[in-house]
PDB file of N, CA and C in Angstrom:
ATOM      1  N   MET A   1       4.317   1.066 -46.717  1.00  0.00           N
ATOM      2  CA  MET A   1       4.236   0.437 -45.407  1.00  0.00           C
ATOM      3  C   MET A   1       3.989   1.507 -44.350  1.00  0.00           C
ATOM      4  N   TYR A   2       3.043   1.256 -43.459  1.00  0.00           N
ATOM      5  CA  TYR A   2       2.682   2.200 -42.411  1.00  0.00           C
ATOM      6  C   TYR A   2       3.334   1.784 -41.101  1.00  0.00           C
ATOM      7  N   SER A   3       4.012   2.717 -40.477  1.00  0.00           N
ATOM      8  CA  SER A   3       4.663   2.448 -39.201  1.00  0.00           C
ATOM      9  C   SER A   3       3.826   3.059 -38.086  1.00  0.00           C
ATOM     10  N   SER A   4       3.607   2.309 -37.042  1.00  0.00           N
ATOM     11  CA  SER A   4       2.801   2.801 -35.935  1.00  0.00           C
ATOM     12  C   SER A   4       3.493   2.490 -34.618  1.00  0.00           C
ATOM     13  N   GLN A   5       3.390   3.406 -33.705  1.00  0.00           N
ATOM     14  CA  GLN A   5       3.893   3.200 -32.355  1.00  0.00           C
ATOM     15  C   GLN A   5       2.738   2.673 -31.516  1.00  0.00           C
ATOM     16  N   ILE A   6       3.046   1.861 -30.522  1.00  0.00           N
ATOM     17  CA  ILE A   6       2.013   1.403 -29.601  1.00  0.00           C
ATOM     18  C   ILE A   6       2.461   1.656 -28.173  1.00  0.00           C
ATOM     19  N   ILE A   7       1.481   1.789 -27.296  1.00  0.00           N
ATOM     20  CA  ILE A   7       1.740   1.992 -25.874  1.00  0.00           C
ATOM     21  C   ILE A   7       0.913   0.971 -25.114  1.00  0.00           C
ATOM     22  N   GLN A   8       1.548   0.271 -24.190  1.00  0.00           N
ATOM     23  CA  GLN A   8       0.814  -0.612 -23.291  1.00  0.00           C
ATOM     24  C   GLN A   8       0.498   0.186 -22.042  1.00  0.00           C
ATOM     25  N   VAL A   9      -0.765   0.189 -21.656  1.00  0.00           N
ATOM     26  CA  VAL A   9      -1.202   0.926 -20.477  1.00  0.00           C
ATOM     27  C   VAL A   9      -1.853  -0.060 -19.525  1.00  0.00           C
ATOM     28  N   GLN A  10      -1.365  -0.089 -18.297  1.00  0.00           N
ATOM     29  CA  GLN A  10      -1.992  -0.943 -17.296  1.00  0.00           C
ATOM     30  C   GLN A  10      -2.907  -0.070 -16.453  1.00  0.00           C
ATOM     31  N   VAL A  11      -4.181  -0.461 -16.398  1.00  0.00           N
ATOM     32  CA  VAL A  11      -5.187   0.271 -15.644  1.00  0.00           C
ATOM     33  C   VAL A  11      -5.573  -0.583 -14.448  1.00  0.00           C
ATOM     34  N   GLN A  12      -5.610   0.062 -13.273  1.00  0.00           N
ATOM     35  CA  GLN A  12      -5.830  -0.694 -12.047  1.00  0.00           C
ATOM     36  C   GLN A  12      -6.773   0.064 -11.132  1.00  0.00           C
ATOM     37  N   ASP A  13      -7.655  -0.659 -10.458  1.00  0.00           N
ATOM     38  CA  ASP A  13      -8.459  -0.101  -9.385  1.00  0.00           C
ATOM     39  C   ASP A  13      -8.553  -1.146  -8.280  1.00  0.00           C
ATOM     40  N   GLU A  14      -9.437  -0.924  -7.314  1.00  0.00           N
ATOM     41  CA  GLU A  14      -9.499  -1.832  -6.171  1.00  0.00           C
ATOM     42  C   GLU A  14     -10.007  -3.227  -6.537  1.00  0.00           C
ATOM     43  N   THR A  15     -10.619  -3.377  -7.709  1.00  0.00           N
ATOM     44  CA  THR A  15     -11.148  -4.686  -8.106  1.00  0.00           C
ATOM     45  C   THR A  15     -10.174  -5.514  -8.931  1.00  0.00           C
ATOM     46  N   GLY A  16      -9.133  -4.896  -9.453  1.00  0.00           N
ATOM     47  CA  GLY A  16      -8.165  -5.631 -10.261  1.00  0.00           C
ATOM     48  C   GLY A  16      -7.476  -4.731 -11.263  1.00  0.00           C
ATOM     49  N   SER A  17      -6.843  -5.338 -12.255  1.00  0.00           N
ATOM     50  CA  SER A  17      -6.128  -4.558 -13.264  1.00  0.00           C
ATOM     51  C   SER A  17      -6.246  -5.238 -14.621  1.00  0.00           C
ATOM     52  N   THR A  18      -6.026  -4.455 -15.661  1.00  0.00           N
ATOM     53  CA  THR A  18      -6.027  -4.966 -17.025  1.00  0.00           C
ATOM     54  C   THR A  18      -5.076  -4.129 -17.860  1.00  0.00           C
ATOM     55  N   THR A  19      -4.650  -4.664 -18.980  1.00  0.00           N
ATOM     56  CA  THR A  19      -3.727  -3.959 -19.862  1.00  0.00           C
ATOM     57  C   THR A  19      -4.438  -3.596 -21.157  1.00  0.00           C
ATOM     58  N   PHE A  20      -4.243  -2.361 -21.588  1.00  0.00           N
ATOM     59  CA  PHE A  20      -4.780  -1.886 -22.853  1.00  0.00           C
ATOM     60  C   PHE A  20      -3.625  -1.571 -23.786  1.00  0.00           C
ATOM     61  N   ILE A  21      -3.856  -1.721 -25.066  1.00  0.00           N
ATOM     62  CA  ILE A  21      -2.884  -1.337 -26.083  1.00  0.00           C
ATOM     63  C   ILE A  21      -3.425  -0.100 -26.783  1.00  0.00           C
ATOM     64  N   LEU A  22      -2.667   0.987 -26.743  1.00  0.00           N
ATOM     65  CA  LEU A  22      -3.044   2.217 -27.435  1.00  0.00           C
ATOM     66  C   LEU A  22      -2.155   2.375 -28.651  1.00  0.00           C
ATOM     67  N   PHE A  23      -2.765   2.600 -29.787  1.00  0.00           N
ATOM     68  CA  PHE A  23      -1.998   2.912 -30.980  1.00  0.00           C
ATOM     69  C   PHE A  23      -1.797   4.415 -31.031  1.00  0.00           C
ATOM     70  N   ASP A  24      -0.885   4.850 -31.854  1.00  0.00           N
ATOM     71  CA  ASP A  24      -0.443   6.236 -31.873  1.00  0.00           C
ATOM     72  C   ASP A  24      -1.589   7.247 -31.891  1.00  0.00           C
ATOM     73  N   LYS A  25      -2.539   7.090 -32.807  1.00  0.00           N
ATOM     74  CA  LYS A  25      -3.638   8.058 -32.914  1.00  0.00           C
ATOM     75  C   LYS A  25      -4.535   8.027 -31.678  1.00  0.00           C
ATOM     76  N   GLY A  26      -4.817   6.839 -31.172  1.00  0.00           N
ATOM     77  CA  GLY A  26      -5.639   6.721 -29.972  1.00  0.00           C
ATOM     78  C   GLY A  26      -4.957   7.322 -28.761  1.00  0.00           C
ATOM     79  N   ALA A  27      -3.657   7.090 -28.648  1.00  0.00           N
ATOM     80  CA  ALA A  27      -2.894   7.659 -27.537  1.00  0.00           C
ATOM     81  C   ALA A  27      -2.941   9.181 -27.602  1.00  0.00           C
ATOM     82  N   LYS A  28      -2.787   9.720 -28.793  1.00  0.00           N
ATOM     83  CA  LYS A  28      -2.797  11.176 -28.960  1.00  0.00           C
ATOM     84  C   LYS A  28      -4.145  11.754 -28.531  1.00  0.00           C
ATOM     85  N   LYS A  29      -5.240  11.065 -28.838  1.00  0.00           N
ATOM     86  CA  LYS A  29      -6.566  11.544 -28.441  1.00  0.00           C
ATOM     87  C   LYS A  29      -6.730  11.539 -26.927  1.00  0.00           C
ATOM     88  N   ILE A  30      -6.221  10.502 -26.277  1.00  0.00           N
ATOM     89  CA  ILE A  30      -6.421  10.342 -24.837  1.00  0.00           C
ATOM     90  C   ILE A  30      -5.458  11.188 -24.015  1.00  0.00           C
ATOM     91  N   ILE A  31      -4.178  11.194 -24.381  1.00  0.00           N
ATOM     92  CA  ILE A  31      -3.177  11.871 -23.546  1.00  0.00           C
ATOM     93  C   ILE A  31      -2.492  13.042 -24.230  1.00  0.00           C
ATOM     94  N   SER A  32      -2.962  13.400 -25.396  1.00  0.00           N
ATOM     95  CA  SER A  32      -2.452  14.567 -26.134  1.00  0.00           C
ATOM     96  C   SER A  32      -0.972  14.469 -26.489  1.00  0.00           C
ATOM     97  N   LYS A  33      -0.456  13.254 -26.552  1.00  0.00           N
ATOM     98  CA  LYS A  33       0.927  13.031 -26.976  1.00  0.00           C
ATOM     99  C   LYS A  33       0.960  11.758 -27.809  1.00  0.00           C
ATOM    100  N   THR A  34       1.838  11.735 -28.788  1.00  0.00           N
ATOM    101  CA  THR A  34       1.996  10.516 -29.572  1.00  0.00           C
ATOM    102  C   THR A  34       2.882   9.541 -28.806  1.00  0.00           C
ATOM    103  N   ALA A  35       2.849   8.301 -29.213  1.00  0.00           N
ATOM    104  CA  ALA A  35       3.717   7.297 -28.596  1.00  0.00           C
ATOM    105  C   ALA A  35       5.177   7.695 -28.766  1.00  0.00           C
ATOM    106  N   LYS A  36       5.503   8.251 -29.918  1.00  0.00           N
ATOM    107  CA  LYS A  36       6.884   8.681 -30.162  1.00  0.00           C
ATOM    108  C   LYS A  36       7.287   9.772 -29.177  1.00  0.00           C
ATOM    109  N   GLU A  37       6.394  10.737 -28.934  1.00  0.00           N
ATOM    110  CA  GLU A  37       6.699  11.805 -27.976  1.00  0.00           C
ATOM    111  C   GLU A  37       6.905  11.240 -26.575  1.00  0.00           C
ATOM    112  N   LEU A  38       6.066  10.283 -26.184  1.00  0.00           N
ATOM    113  CA  LEU A  38       6.226   9.657 -24.871  1.00  0.00           C
ATOM    114  C   LEU A  38       7.536   8.887 -24.774  1.00  0.00           C
ATOM    115  N   ALA A  39       7.891   8.183 -25.837  1.00  0.00           N
ATOM    116  CA  ALA A  39       9.158   7.443 -25.847  1.00  0.00           C
ATOM    117  C   ALA A  39      10.333   8.398 -25.702  1.00  0.00           C
ATOM    118  N   GLU A  40      10.264   9.532 -26.385  1.00  0.00           N
ATOM    119  CA  GLU A  40      11.332  10.526 -26.278  1.00  0.00           C
ATOM    120  C   GLU A  40      11.402  11.091 -24.864  1.00  0.00           C
ATOM    121  N   MET A  41      10.243  11.319 -24.245  1.00  0.00           N
ATOM    122  CA  MET A  41      10.225  11.813 -22.865  1.00  0.00           C
ATOM    123  C   MET A  41      10.847  10.793 -21.921  1.00  0.00           C
ATOM    124  N   GLN A  42      10.517   9.516 -22.135  1.00  0.00           N
ATOM    125  CA  GLN A  42      11.069   8.477 -21.280  1.00  0.00           C
ATOM    126  C   GLN A  42      12.582   8.372 -21.458  1.00  0.00           C
ATOM    127  N   GLU A  43      13.050   8.454 -22.686  1.00  0.00           N
ATOM    128  CA  GLU A  43      14.494   8.409 -22.932  1.00  0.00           C
ATOM    129  C   GLU A  43      15.197   9.544 -22.206  1.00  0.00           C
ATOM    130  N   GLU A  44      14.604  10.717 -22.238  1.00  0.00           N
ATOM    131  CA  GLU A  44      15.192  11.879 -21.559  1.00  0.00           C
ATOM    132  C   GLU A  44      15.261  11.635 -20.052  1.00  0.00           C
ATOM    133  N   LYS A  45      14.202  11.072 -19.496  1.00  0.00           N
ATOM    134  CA  LYS A  45      14.201  10.773 -18.061  1.00  0.00           C
ATOM    135  C   LYS A  45      15.248   9.724 -17.712  1.00  0.00           C
ATOM    136  N   MET A  46      15.394   8.734 -18.588  1.00  0.00           N
ATOM    137  CA  MET A  46      16.340   7.658 -18.315  1.00  0.00           C
ATOM    138  C   MET A  46      17.789   8.134 -18.380  1.00  0.00           C
ATOM    139  N   LYS A  47      18.033   9.232 -19.068  1.00  0.00           N
ATOM    140  CA  LYS A  47      19.393   9.772 -19.116  1.00  0.00           C
ATOM    141  C   LYS A  47      19.867  10.136 -17.720  1.00  0.00           C
ATOM    142  N   ASN A  48      18.963  10.610 -16.923  1.00  0.00           N
ATOM    143  CA  ASN A  48      19.301  10.935 -15.544  1.00  0.00           C
ATOM    144  C   ASN A  48      18.639   9.891 -14.652  1.00  0.00           C
ATOM    145  N   LYS A  49      19.243   8.725 -14.584  1.00  0.00           N
ATOM    146  CA  LYS A  49      18.633   7.559 -13.950  1.00  0.00           C
ATOM    147  C   LYS A  49      18.324   7.778 -12.474  1.00  0.00           C
ATOM    148  N   SER A  50      19.140   8.521 -11.784  1.00  0.00           N
ATOM    149  CA  SER A  50      18.874   8.712 -10.360  1.00  0.00           C
ATOM    150  C   SER A  50      17.562   9.458 -10.154  1.00  0.00           C
ATOM    151  N   ASP A  51      17.277  10.437 -10.986  1.00  0.00           N
ATOM    152  CA  ASP A  51      15.998  11.141 -10.886  1.00  0.00           C
ATOM    153  C   ASP A  51      14.850  10.203 -11.205  1.00  0.00           C
ATOM    154  N   TRP A  52      15.024   9.382 -12.231  1.00  0.00           N
ATOM    155  CA  TRP A  52      13.980   8.441 -12.630  1.00  0.00           C
ATOM    156  C   TRP A  52      13.711   7.448 -11.506  1.00  0.00           C
ATOM    157  N   ASN A  53      14.766   6.903 -10.914  1.00  0.00           N
ATOM    158  CA  ASN A  53      14.586   5.944  -9.825  1.00  0.00           C
ATOM    159  C   ASN A  53      13.924   6.600  -8.621  1.00  0.00           C
ATOM    160  N   GLY A  54      14.278   7.848  -8.365  1.00  0.00           N
ATOM    161  CA  GLY A  54      13.643   8.578  -7.268  1.00  0.00           C
ATOM    162  C   GLY A  54      12.161   8.762  -7.512  1.00  0.00           C
ATOM    163  N   THR A  55      11.800   9.080  -8.735  1.00  0.00           N
ATOM    164  CA  THR A  55      10.389   9.242  -9.095  1.00  0.00           C
ATOM    165  C   THR A  55       9.652   7.927  -8.944  1.00  0.00           C
ATOM    166  N   LEU A  56      10.268   6.845  -9.400  1.00  0.00           N
ATOM    167  CA  LEU A  56       9.647   5.526  -9.299  1.00  0.00           C
ATOM    168  C   LEU A  56       9.439   5.142  -7.841  1.00  0.00           C
ATOM    169  N   ARG A  57      10.442   5.376  -7.001  1.00  0.00           N
ATOM    170  CA  ARG A  57      10.307   5.055  -5.579  1.00  0.00           C
ATOM    171  C   ARG A  57       9.197   5.878  -4.939  1.00  0.00           C
ATOM    172  N   LEU A  58       9.086   7.153  -5.318  1.00  0.00           N
ATOM    173  CA  LEU A  58       8.037   8.006  -4.778  1.00  0.00           C
ATOM    174  C   LEU A  58       6.661   7.494  -5.201  1.00  0.00           C
ATOM    175  N   ARG A  59       6.516   7.088  -6.454  1.00  0.00           N
ATOM    176  CA  ARG A  59       5.240   6.537  -6.928  1.00  0.00           C
ATOM    177  C   ARG A  59       4.887   5.265  -6.167  1.00  0.00           C
ATOM    178  N   GLN A  60       5.887   4.407  -5.953  1.00  0.00           N
ATOM    179  CA  GLN A  60       5.642   3.163  -5.226  1.00  0.00           C
ATOM    180  C   GLN A  60       5.224   3.462  -3.788  1.00  0.00           C
ATOM    181  N   LYS A  61       5.864   4.444  -3.171  1.00  0.00           N
ATOM    182  CA  LYS A  61       5.528   4.821  -1.800  1.00  0.00           C
ATOM    183  C   LYS A  61       4.099   5.349  -1.740  1.00  0.00           C
ATOM    184  N   ARG A  62       3.743   6.216  -2.682  1.00  0.00           N
ATOM    185  CA  ARG A  62       2.380   6.762  -2.713  1.00  0.00           C
ATOM    186  C   ARG A  62       1.357   5.659  -2.935  1.00  0.00           C
ATOM    187  N   ARG A  63       1.686   4.700  -3.803  1.00  0.00           N
ATOM    188  CA  ARG A  63       0.771   3.585  -4.065  1.00  0.00           C
ATOM    189  C   ARG A  63       0.566   2.760  -2.799  1.00  0.00           C
ATOM    190  N   ARG A  64       1.658   2.470  -2.064  1.00  0.00           N
ATOM    191  CA  ARG A  64       1.536   1.699  -0.821  1.00  0.00           C
ATOM    192  C   ARG A  64       0.688   2.448   0.200  1.00  0.00           C
ATOM    193  N   GLU A  65       0.900   3.768   0.310  1.00  0.00           N
ATOM    194  CA  GLU A  65       0.118   4.573   1.245  1.00  0.00           C
ATOM    195  C   GLU A  65      -1.360   4.554   0.870  1.00  0.00           C
ATOM    196  N   LYS A  66      -1.642   4.660  -0.418  1.00  0.00           N
ATOM    197  CA  LYS A  66      -3.027   4.635  -0.880  1.00  0.00           C
ATOM    198  C   LYS A  66      -3.665   3.276  -0.606  1.00  0.00           C
ATOM    199  N   GLU A  67      -2.909   2.192  -0.833  1.00  0.00           N
ATOM    200  CA  GLU A  67      -3.428   0.851  -0.557  1.00  0.00           C
ATOM    201  C   GLU A  67      -3.730   0.677   0.926  1.00  0.00           C
ATOM    202  N   LYS A  68      -2.859   1.191   1.797  1.00  0.00           N
ATOM    203  CA  LYS A  68      -3.102   1.104   3.239  1.00  0.00           C
ATOM    204  C   LYS A  68      -4.364   1.868   3.610  1.00  0.00           C
ATOM    205  N   GLU A  69      -4.527   3.051   3.019  1.00  0.00           N
ATOM    206  CA  GLU A  69      -5.704   3.873   3.277  1.00  0.00           C
ATOM    207  C   GLU A  69      -6.978   3.146   2.829  1.00  0.00           C
ATOM    208  N   MET A  70      -6.917   2.515   1.660  1.00  0.00           N
ATOM    209  CA  MET A  70      -8.076   1.777   1.152  1.00  0.00           C
ATOM    210  C   MET A  70      -8.390   0.578   2.043  1.00  0.00           C
ATOM    211  N   ASP A  71      -7.357  -0.100   2.544  1.00  0.00           N
ATOM    212  CA  ASP A  71      -7.567  -1.229   3.450  1.00  0.00           C
ATOM    213  C   ASP A  71      -8.253  -0.771   4.734  1.00  0.00           C
ATOM    214  N   LYS A  72      -7.842   0.377   5.262  1.00  0.00           N
ATOM    215  CA  LYS A  72      -8.467   0.909   6.479  1.00  0.00           C
ATOM    216  C   LYS A  72      -9.945   1.179   6.243  1.00  0.00           C
ATOM    217  N   LYS A  73     -10.274   1.744   5.085  1.00  0.00           N
ATOM    218  CA  LYS A  73     -11.675   2.048   4.769  1.00  0.00           C
ATOM    219  C   LYS A  73     -12.495   0.773   4.637  1.00  0.00           C
ATOM    220  N   ARG A  74     -11.897  -0.265   4.076  1.00  0.00           N
ATOM    221  CA  ARG A  74     -12.611  -1.535   3.911  1.00  0.00           C
ATOM    222  C   ARG A  74     -12.973  -2.167   5.246  1.00  0.00           C
ATOM    223  N   TRP A  75     -12.107  -2.011   6.229  1.00  0.00           N
ATOM    224  CA  TRP A  75     -12.305  -2.689   7.512  1.00  0.00           C
ATOM    225  C   TRP A  75     -13.102  -1.857   8.506  1.00  0.00           C
ATOM    226  N   LYS A  76     -13.549  -0.681   8.119  1.00  0.00           N
ATOM    227  CA  LYS A  76     -14.368   0.146   9.026  1.00  0.00           C
ATOM    228  C   LYS A  76     -15.798  -0.297   9.008  1.00  0.00           C
TER     229      LYS A  76
END
């Protein structure tokens, strides 16, 4: 029996978003890490939840700023 890890990746641009499923070998080719390595990295981050939440809030803030910037460009 073959065991495989999978990663769901959501890709988004100004036209919309879609979800891709990456299997272990494909993930390794694209991001140079296996799904298992990414899972281990995420577990390590989750151990220190306050840091993880801070990172998430920063990403959300950057995303909102980028969306505002894109909206300004659209209306020019």
